[in-house]
Amino acid sequence: TAQGITAEIMQEQYKFQQMVVDLLSEAKKLQANLEQTIDTNTTVTNLAAAEARLQKLKNDEGAYPQQMLIAQIGYLYYMVSTADQPVGTDAYKRYEELVAQLAQLKTAVEP
């Protein structure tokens, strides 16, 4: 309270963190489904489509890979969890962008 952090700010931060955790969980479930599809699929077309989607979700191996969707969601969580402060407009905007990207990947994969 001495620094101006109210219970409402803490509740908003916690609620936003839970939204990001749910999004991260959803993205990781999609990753697992895609990996299973790749492991069990024999159709070249479906395999190529699943691999393309997986590349957008998961970082490549190596020292400095491009940060893909799951890593970006994890970074957003890190950013809103490291300090007790109001969640900024940019964080909400980025969250919505990540939600849209995941929805696009899910739509492309699911029947």
N, C-alpha and C. Protein backbone atom coordinates (compact mmCIF):
# COMPACT_ATOMS: atom_id res chain seq x y z
N THR A 1 0.81 -1.20 0.00
CA THR A 1 0.00 0.00 0.00
C THR A 1 0.86 1.26 0.00
N ALA A 2 2.02 1.21 0.60
CA ALA A 2 2.89 2.39 0.63
C ALA A 2 3.33 2.79 -0.78
N GLN A 3 3.37 1.85 -1.68
CA GLN A 3 3.78 2.13 -3.06
C GLN A 3 2.59 2.32 -3.99
N GLY A 4 1.40 2.35 -3.43
CA GLY A 4 0.21 2.59 -4.24
C GLY A 4 -0.41 1.35 -4.85
N ILE A 5 0.01 0.18 -4.41
CA ILE A 5 -0.54 -1.07 -4.93
C ILE A 5 -1.73 -1.46 -4.06
N THR A 6 -2.90 -1.49 -4.68
CA THR A 6 -4.13 -1.79 -3.94
C THR A 6 -4.50 -3.26 -4.13
N ALA A 7 -5.46 -3.69 -3.34
CA ALA A 7 -5.97 -5.06 -3.48
C ALA A 7 -6.60 -5.25 -4.86
N GLU A 8 -7.23 -4.22 -5.39
CA GLU A 8 -7.83 -4.30 -6.72
C GLU A 8 -6.77 -4.53 -7.79
N ILE A 9 -5.65 -3.85 -7.68
CA ILE A 9 -4.55 -4.02 -8.63
C ILE A 9 -4.02 -5.45 -8.54
N MET A 10 -3.86 -5.94 -7.34
CA MET A 10 -3.38 -7.31 -7.15
C MET A 10 -4.36 -8.33 -7.73
N GLN A 11 -5.65 -8.10 -7.54
CA GLN A 11 -6.67 -9.00 -8.10
C GLN A 11 -6.65 -8.97 -9.62
N GLU A 12 -6.51 -7.77 -10.19
CA GLU A 12 -6.44 -7.65 -11.65
C GLU A 12 -5.21 -8.38 -12.19
N GLN A 13 -4.08 -8.21 -11.51
CA GLN A 13 -2.85 -8.87 -11.94
C GLN A 13 -3.01 -10.39 -11.85
N TYR A 14 -3.57 -10.88 -10.77
CA TYR A 14 -3.77 -12.32 -10.60
C TYR A 14 -4.71 -12.86 -11.68
N LYS A 15 -5.80 -12.15 -11.94
CA LYS A 15 -6.75 -12.58 -12.96
C LYS A 15 -6.07 -12.64 -14.33
N PHE A 16 -5.29 -11.64 -14.65
CA PHE A 16 -4.59 -11.61 -15.93
C PHE A 16 -3.57 -12.75 -16.01
N GLN A 17 -2.84 -12.98 -14.93
CA GLN A 17 -1.88 -14.09 -14.91
C GLN A 17 -2.59 -15.42 -15.18
N GLN A 18 -3.75 -15.62 -14.60
CA GLN A 18 -4.50 -16.86 -14.81
C GLN A 18 -4.96 -16.99 -16.26
N MET A 19 -5.33 -15.88 -16.88
CA MET A 19 -5.70 -15.90 -18.29
C MET A 19 -4.51 -16.33 -19.16
N VAL A 20 -3.34 -15.81 -18.82
CA VAL A 20 -2.14 -16.14 -19.59
C VAL A 20 -1.76 -17.61 -19.36
N VAL A 21 -1.87 -18.08 -18.13
CA VAL A 21 -1.58 -19.50 -17.83
C VAL A 21 -2.53 -20.40 -18.61
N ASP A 22 -3.80 -20.05 -18.66
CA ASP A 22 -4.77 -20.84 -19.42
C ASP A 22 -4.42 -20.86 -20.90
N LEU A 23 -4.00 -19.72 -21.43
CA LEU A 23 -3.60 -19.65 -22.83
C LEU A 23 -2.37 -20.51 -23.08
N LEU A 24 -1.41 -20.46 -22.18
CA LEU A 24 -0.20 -21.27 -22.31
C LEU A 24 -0.54 -22.75 -22.26
N SER A 25 -1.42 -23.13 -21.38
CA SER A 25 -1.86 -24.52 -21.28
C SER A 25 -2.54 -24.98 -22.57
N GLU A 26 -3.38 -24.13 -23.12
CA GLU A 26 -4.06 -24.45 -24.37
C GLU A 26 -3.06 -24.62 -25.52
N ALA A 27 -2.05 -23.76 -25.56
CA ALA A 27 -1.03 -23.84 -26.61
C ALA A 27 -0.21 -25.12 -26.46
N LYS A 28 0.11 -25.49 -25.23
CA LYS A 28 0.89 -26.71 -25.01
C LYS A 28 0.07 -27.96 -25.34
N LYS A 29 -1.23 -27.93 -25.11
CA LYS A 29 -2.09 -29.05 -25.51
C LYS A 29 -2.11 -29.19 -27.02
N LEU A 30 -2.18 -28.07 -27.72
CA LEU A 30 -2.14 -28.11 -29.17
C LEU A 30 -0.80 -28.67 -29.65
N GLN A 31 0.28 -28.26 -29.00
CA GLN A 31 1.60 -28.79 -29.34
C GLN A 31 1.62 -30.31 -29.18
N ALA A 32 1.11 -30.80 -28.07
CA ALA A 32 1.08 -32.25 -27.83
C ALA A 32 0.24 -32.97 -28.88
N ASN A 33 -0.90 -32.39 -29.24
CA ASN A 33 -1.75 -32.99 -30.27
C ASN A 33 -1.04 -33.03 -31.62
N LEU A 34 -0.35 -31.96 -31.96
CA LEU A 34 0.37 -31.92 -33.22
C LEU A 34 1.51 -32.92 -33.24
N GLU A 35 2.23 -33.03 -32.13
CA GLU A 35 3.32 -34.01 -32.05
C GLU A 35 2.79 -35.43 -32.18
N GLN A 36 1.64 -35.69 -31.59
CA GLN A 36 1.02 -37.01 -31.71
C GLN A 36 0.59 -37.25 -33.16
N THR A 37 0.03 -36.25 -33.79
CA THR A 37 -0.38 -36.38 -35.19
C THR A 37 0.83 -36.69 -36.06
N ILE A 38 1.93 -36.01 -35.82
CA ILE A 38 3.14 -36.24 -36.60
C ILE A 38 3.66 -37.66 -36.37
N ASP A 39 3.62 -38.12 -35.13
CA ASP A 39 4.13 -39.46 -34.81
C ASP A 39 3.27 -40.58 -35.39
N THR A 40 1.97 -40.33 -35.53
CA THR A 40 1.07 -41.41 -35.93
C THR A 40 0.50 -41.28 -37.34
N ASN A 41 0.76 -40.17 -38.00
CA ASN A 41 0.13 -39.93 -39.30
C ASN A 41 0.99 -40.45 -40.44
N THR A 42 0.34 -41.04 -41.41
CA THR A 42 1.05 -41.54 -42.58
C THR A 42 0.73 -40.74 -43.84
N THR A 43 -0.23 -39.83 -43.76
CA THR A 43 -0.58 -39.00 -44.91
C THR A 43 0.39 -37.84 -45.00
N VAL A 44 1.07 -37.74 -46.10
CA VAL A 44 2.10 -36.71 -46.28
C VAL A 44 1.51 -35.31 -46.16
N THR A 45 0.32 -35.09 -46.70
CA THR A 45 -0.31 -33.77 -46.65
C THR A 45 -0.60 -33.37 -45.20
N ASN A 46 -1.22 -34.26 -44.45
CA ASN A 46 -1.52 -33.96 -43.05
C ASN A 46 -0.25 -33.79 -42.23
N LEU A 47 0.74 -34.58 -42.54
CA LEU A 47 2.01 -34.50 -41.83
C LEU A 47 2.67 -33.14 -42.06
N ALA A 48 2.70 -32.70 -43.30
CA ALA A 48 3.31 -31.40 -43.62
C ALA A 48 2.55 -30.26 -42.94
N ALA A 49 1.22 -30.34 -42.93
CA ALA A 49 0.42 -29.30 -42.30
C ALA A 49 0.67 -29.27 -40.79
N ALA A 50 0.72 -30.43 -40.16
CA ALA A 50 0.97 -30.50 -38.72
C ALA A 50 2.36 -29.97 -38.38
N GLU A 51 3.36 -30.33 -39.19
CA GLU A 51 4.71 -29.84 -38.95
C GLU A 51 4.81 -28.33 -39.10
N ALA A 52 4.11 -27.77 -40.07
CA ALA A 52 4.10 -26.32 -40.27
C ALA A 52 3.48 -25.61 -39.08
N ARG A 53 2.39 -26.16 -38.55
CA ARG A 53 1.75 -25.55 -37.37
C ARG A 53 2.65 -25.67 -36.14
N LEU A 54 3.28 -26.83 -36.01
CA LEU A 54 4.16 -27.04 -34.86
C LEU A 54 5.33 -26.06 -34.87
N GLN A 55 5.85 -25.74 -36.04
CA GLN A 55 6.96 -24.79 -36.14
C GLN A 55 6.55 -23.40 -35.67
N LYS A 56 5.27 -23.07 -35.79
CA LYS A 56 4.79 -21.76 -35.33
C LYS A 56 4.57 -21.74 -33.82
N LEU A 57 4.45 -22.91 -33.23
CA LEU A 57 4.21 -23.01 -31.79
C LEU A 57 5.49 -23.14 -30.98
N LYS A 58 6.42 -23.93 -31.47
CA LYS A 58 7.56 -24.39 -30.69
C LYS A 58 8.87 -23.85 -31.26
N ASN A 59 9.76 -23.43 -30.36
CA ASN A 59 11.07 -22.95 -30.79
C ASN A 59 11.87 -24.07 -31.42
N ASP A 60 12.68 -23.71 -32.42
CA ASP A 60 13.63 -24.66 -32.97
C ASP A 60 14.74 -24.92 -31.96
N GLU A 61 15.47 -25.98 -32.17
CA GLU A 61 16.63 -26.28 -31.33
C GLU A 61 17.75 -25.29 -31.69
N GLY A 62 18.66 -25.09 -30.77
CA GLY A 62 19.82 -24.24 -31.06
C GLY A 62 20.00 -23.17 -30.02
N ALA A 63 21.07 -22.43 -30.16
CA ALA A 63 21.45 -21.44 -29.17
C ALA A 63 20.53 -20.22 -29.14
N TYR A 64 20.16 -19.71 -30.30
CA TYR A 64 19.36 -18.48 -30.36
C TYR A 64 18.17 -18.65 -31.31
N PRO A 65 17.22 -19.50 -30.94
CA PRO A 65 16.08 -19.73 -31.85
C PRO A 65 15.12 -18.54 -31.84
N GLN A 66 14.40 -18.40 -32.91
CA GLN A 66 13.34 -17.40 -32.95
C GLN A 66 12.29 -17.82 -31.92
N GLN A 67 11.78 -16.87 -31.18
CA GLN A 67 10.80 -17.16 -30.14
C GLN A 67 9.42 -17.33 -30.76
N MET A 68 8.90 -18.54 -30.69
CA MET A 68 7.62 -18.85 -31.30
C MET A 68 6.49 -18.66 -30.28
N LEU A 69 5.29 -19.05 -30.63
CA LEU A 69 4.10 -18.69 -29.87
C LEU A 69 4.15 -19.11 -28.40
N ILE A 70 4.54 -20.34 -28.11
CA ILE A 70 4.57 -20.79 -26.72
C ILE A 70 5.57 -19.98 -25.90
N ALA A 71 6.72 -19.71 -26.47
CA ALA A 71 7.73 -18.91 -25.78
C ALA A 71 7.23 -17.47 -25.57
N GLN A 72 6.51 -16.94 -26.53
CA GLN A 72 5.98 -15.58 -26.41
C GLN A 72 4.93 -15.49 -25.31
N ILE A 73 4.09 -16.51 -25.21
CA ILE A 73 3.08 -16.53 -24.14
C ILE A 73 3.79 -16.64 -22.79
N GLY A 74 4.81 -17.50 -22.71
CA GLY A 74 5.58 -17.64 -21.48
C GLY A 74 6.25 -16.34 -21.08
N TYR A 75 6.74 -15.59 -22.05
CA TYR A 75 7.38 -14.32 -21.77
C TYR A 75 6.36 -13.30 -21.24
N LEU A 76 5.17 -13.29 -21.82
CA LEU A 76 4.13 -12.39 -21.32
C LEU A 76 3.81 -12.71 -19.86
N TYR A 77 3.72 -13.99 -19.55
CA TYR A 77 3.48 -14.38 -18.16
C TYR A 77 4.59 -13.88 -17.25
N TYR A 78 5.82 -14.06 -17.69
CA TYR A 78 6.97 -13.59 -16.91
C TYR A 78 6.88 -12.09 -16.67
N MET A 79 6.53 -11.35 -17.71
CA MET A 79 6.49 -9.89 -17.60
C MET A 79 5.43 -9.41 -16.60
N VAL A 80 4.31 -10.09 -16.53
CA VAL A 80 3.26 -9.63 -15.61
C VAL A 80 3.37 -10.28 -14.23
N SER A 81 4.36 -11.14 -14.05
CA SER A 81 4.50 -11.82 -12.77
C SER A 81 5.71 -11.37 -11.96
N THR A 82 6.56 -10.56 -12.54
CA THR A 82 7.81 -10.22 -11.85
C THR A 82 7.69 -9.06 -10.89
N ALA A 83 6.61 -8.27 -11.00
CA ALA A 83 6.45 -7.14 -10.10
C ALA A 83 4.97 -6.92 -9.83
N ASP A 84 4.66 -6.47 -8.64
CA ASP A 84 3.28 -6.12 -8.32
C ASP A 84 3.02 -4.72 -8.84
N GLN A 85 2.24 -4.67 -9.94
CA GLN A 85 1.93 -3.40 -10.57
C GLN A 85 0.67 -3.57 -11.42
N PRO A 86 0.05 -2.47 -11.79
CA PRO A 86 -1.12 -2.60 -12.66
C PRO A 86 -0.72 -3.24 -13.99
N VAL A 87 -1.62 -4.04 -14.54
CA VAL A 87 -1.37 -4.65 -15.84
C VAL A 87 -1.60 -3.56 -16.89
N GLY A 88 -0.60 -3.36 -17.73
CA GLY A 88 -0.67 -2.28 -18.71
C GLY A 88 -1.51 -2.62 -19.92
N THR A 89 -1.88 -1.60 -20.63
CA THR A 89 -2.66 -1.74 -21.86
C THR A 89 -1.90 -2.57 -22.88
N ASP A 90 -0.59 -2.40 -22.96
CA ASP A 90 0.21 -3.17 -23.91
C ASP A 90 0.14 -4.67 -23.61
N ALA A 91 0.10 -5.03 -22.33
CA ALA A 91 0.02 -6.45 -21.98
C ALA A 91 -1.32 -7.03 -22.43
N TYR A 92 -2.40 -6.29 -22.24
CA TYR A 92 -3.71 -6.77 -22.70
C TYR A 92 -3.74 -6.87 -24.23
N LYS A 93 -3.16 -5.89 -24.90
CA LYS A 93 -3.13 -5.91 -26.36
C LYS A 93 -2.33 -7.12 -26.85
N ARG A 94 -1.17 -7.36 -26.23
CA ARG A 94 -0.33 -8.49 -26.64
C ARG A 94 -1.05 -9.81 -26.37
N TYR A 95 -1.75 -9.89 -25.25
CA TYR A 95 -2.52 -11.09 -24.93
C TYR A 95 -3.54 -11.37 -26.04
N GLU A 96 -4.27 -10.36 -26.45
CA GLU A 96 -5.28 -10.53 -27.50
C GLU A 96 -4.64 -10.98 -28.81
N GLU A 97 -3.46 -10.44 -29.13
CA GLU A 97 -2.75 -10.87 -30.34
C GLU A 97 -2.38 -12.34 -30.25
N LEU A 98 -1.89 -12.77 -29.10
CA LEU A 98 -1.50 -14.17 -28.92
C LEU A 98 -2.71 -15.10 -28.95
N VAL A 99 -3.81 -14.67 -28.39
CA VAL A 99 -5.06 -15.45 -28.44
C VAL A 99 -5.47 -15.64 -29.89
N ALA A 100 -5.41 -14.58 -30.68
CA ALA A 100 -5.80 -14.66 -32.09
C ALA A 100 -4.87 -15.59 -32.87
N GLN A 101 -3.58 -15.52 -32.59
CA GLN A 101 -2.63 -16.40 -33.28
C GLN A 101 -2.89 -17.86 -32.95
N LEU A 102 -3.15 -18.15 -31.68
CA LEU A 102 -3.44 -19.53 -31.29
C LEU A 102 -4.75 -20.00 -31.91
N ALA A 103 -5.75 -19.16 -31.93
CA ALA A 103 -7.03 -19.53 -32.54
C ALA A 103 -6.85 -19.84 -34.01
N GLN A 104 -6.02 -19.07 -34.68
CA GLN A 104 -5.76 -19.32 -36.09
C GLN A 104 -5.08 -20.68 -36.30
N LEU A 105 -4.12 -21.00 -35.45
CA LEU A 105 -3.45 -22.30 -35.55
C LEU A 105 -4.41 -23.44 -35.25
N LYS A 106 -5.25 -23.28 -34.27
CA LYS A 106 -6.21 -24.32 -33.90
C LYS A 106 -7.22 -24.55 -35.02
N THR A 107 -7.71 -23.48 -35.60
CA THR A 107 -8.68 -23.59 -36.68
C THR A 107 -8.08 -24.31 -37.88
N ALA A 108 -6.82 -24.06 -38.15
CA ALA A 108 -6.16 -24.68 -39.28
C ALA A 108 -5.95 -26.18 -39.05
N VAL A 109 -5.95 -26.62 -37.82
CA VAL A 109 -5.66 -28.01 -37.49
C VAL A 109 -6.92 -28.81 -37.23
N GLU A 110 -7.84 -28.22 -36.50
CA GLU A 110 -9.02 -28.96 -36.07
C GLU A 110 -10.05 -29.04 -37.20
N PRO A 111 -10.82 -30.13 -37.25
CA PRO A 111 -11.85 -30.27 -38.28
C PRO A 111 -12.98 -29.26 -38.10
